[in-house]
Protein backbone atom coordinates (compact mmCIF):
# COMPACT_ATOMS: atom_id res chain seq x y z
CA MET A 1 0.00 0.00 0.00
CA VAL A 2 2.80 2.43 0.86
CA PHE A 3 4.61 1.65 -2.40
CA ARG A 4 1.48 2.24 -4.48
CA GLU A 5 0.66 5.49 -2.70
CA LEU A 6 4.16 6.92 -3.12
CA VAL A 7 4.18 6.03 -6.83
CA LYS A 8 0.70 7.53 -7.24
CA ARG A 9 2.02 10.77 -5.75
CA GLY A 10 4.86 10.90 -8.26
CA ILE A 11 7.65 9.82 -5.95
CA ASP A 12 10.37 7.80 -7.69
CA VAL A 13 10.28 4.57 -5.70
CA VAL A 14 12.86 1.88 -6.39
CA PRO A 15 11.98 -1.47 -4.81
CA VAL A 16 14.71 -3.52 -3.14
CA ASN A 17 13.79 -7.08 -2.27
CA PRO A 18 16.10 -10.04 -2.93
CA ALA A 19 13.11 -12.40 -3.08
CA VAL A 20 11.38 -10.85 -6.11
CA ALA A 21 12.40 -9.60 -9.56
CA GLU A 22 9.68 -6.98 -9.86
CA VAL A 23 7.18 -5.02 -7.78
CA GLU A 24 4.12 -3.47 -9.43
CA GLY A 25 5.86 -3.55 -12.81
CA ARG A 26 9.10 -1.99 -11.56
CA ARG A 27 12.40 -3.86 -11.44
CA SER A 28 13.30 -4.91 -7.91
CA PHE A 29 16.95 -4.85 -6.94
CA ARG A 30 18.59 -7.37 -4.62
CA ARG A 31 20.66 -4.71 -2.83
CA LEU A 32 20.78 -0.92 -2.66
CA ALA A 33 24.32 -0.86 -4.07
CA GLU A 34 22.97 -2.20 -7.40
CA ILE A 35 20.83 0.88 -8.05
CA GLU A 36 22.15 3.47 -10.51
CA PRO A 37 22.03 6.33 -10.07
CA ARG A 38 22.58 5.85 -6.36
CA VAL A 39 19.82 6.71 -3.93
CA ASP A 40 20.29 8.93 -0.90
CA ALA A 41 17.32 7.72 1.14
CA ALA A 42 15.67 4.42 2.00
CA LEU A 43 12.36 3.43 3.51
CA VAL A 44 13.09 0.25 5.46
CA MET A 45 10.07 -2.02 5.77
CA THR A 46 11.58 -5.18 7.23
CA HIS A 47 11.16 -7.40 10.24
CA PRO A 48 13.46 -6.12 13.02
CA ALA A 49 15.62 -9.26 12.65
CA GLN A 50 16.52 -8.19 9.09
CA THR A 51 17.04 -4.49 9.78
CA ASP A 52 20.73 -4.77 10.75
CA ARG A 53 21.60 -6.30 7.37
CA VAL A 54 19.59 -3.67 5.49
CA LEU A 55 21.18 -0.80 7.44
CA ALA A 56 24.67 -2.15 6.68
CA ASP A 57 23.62 -2.22 3.01
CA CYS A 58 22.50 1.41 3.32
CA VAL A 59 25.91 2.46 4.64
CA GLU A 60 27.71 0.53 1.90
CA ALA A 61 25.50 2.10 -0.79
CA GLY A 62 26.02 5.64 0.49
CA VAL A 63 22.45 6.16 1.68
CA ARG A 64 22.31 9.14 4.07
CA ARG A 65 18.67 9.14 5.22
CA VAL A 66 16.72 6.16 6.53
CA TRP A 67 13.06 5.83 7.48
CA LEU A 68 12.48 2.82 9.74
CA HIS A 69 8.85 2.00 9.02
CA ARG A 70 6.44 1.54 11.85
CA GLY A 71 3.02 0.19 11.11
CA ALA A 72 1.44 -2.34 13.42
CA GLY A 73 3.78 -4.21 15.72
CA LYS A 74 7.41 -3.41 16.49
CA GLY A 75 8.28 -1.99 13.10
CA SER A 76 11.73 -2.02 11.54
CA GLY A 77 13.59 0.07 14.06
CA ASP A 78 14.53 -0.76 17.59
CA ASP A 79 16.97 1.12 19.82
CA ARG A 80 19.89 -0.88 18.43
CA ALA A 81 18.96 0.03 14.85
CA VAL A 82 18.74 3.71 15.76
CA ALA A 83 22.12 3.53 17.52
CA PHE A 84 23.60 1.98 14.37
CA CYS A 85 22.18 4.81 12.27
CA GLU A 86 23.57 7.45 14.61
CA ALA A 87 27.00 5.76 14.74
CA HIS A 88 27.17 5.75 10.94
CA GLY A 89 25.90 9.30 10.39
CA LEU A 90 22.52 8.31 8.98
CA GLU A 91 19.58 10.64 9.51
CA VAL A 92 16.78 8.47 10.84
CA VAL A 93 13.01 8.63 11.13
CA ARG A 94 11.58 6.03 13.47
CA ASP A 95 8.24 4.77 14.74
CA LEU A 96 6.16 6.51 12.11
CA CYS A 97 4.07 5.12 9.28
CA PRO A 98 4.68 7.04 6.03
CA PHE A 99 0.93 7.47 5.56
CA MET A 100 0.84 9.63 8.67
CA ALA A 101 3.29 12.06 7.05
CA LEU A 102 1.56 12.33 3.67
CA PRO A 103 -0.71 15.30 3.09
CA ASP A 104 -4.27 14.32 2.30
CA ALA A 105 -3.88 10.83 3.77
CA GLY A 106 -7.10 8.97 4.46
CA LEU A 107 -9.08 9.39 7.67
CA PRO A 108 -7.58 6.38 9.51
CA HIS A 109 -4.06 7.70 8.91
CA ARG A 110 -4.98 11.24 9.95
CA LEU A 111 -6.53 9.90 13.16
CA HIS A 112 -3.47 7.77 13.83
CA ALA A 113 -1.21 10.84 13.38
CA PHE A 114 -3.50 12.97 15.58
CA PHE A 115 -3.46 10.51 18.49
CA ARG A 116 0.26 9.81 18.11
CA LYS A 117 1.02 13.53 18.45
CA ARG A 118 -1.23 13.83 21.51
CA LEU A 119 0.16 10.74 23.26
CA SER A 120 3.86 11.24 22.60
């Protein structure tokens, strides 16, 4: 859903997933370092157990900004992942679903953002 929404809004999204060759008609890369031209930001949507490997790939590929997705559950980023980002000079967004940051997101996402702001 996030991928489709970003594409719909005209954002150039490049999928990275070693398990698939294509996502929604776009070539999927196995690793960030394979993408040309290089990307400077990554939205990490992995299980926390896979996040360390993906963050190391980000550093190797020269990614400078990382968004550790948080939907339901723990999300991609725990304290250790954030510490890794800080130690390697990566700007990090944590514990936030991208839908909550998009203007004109649907009602459920606006409500989620509203309550998150009030409770944090």
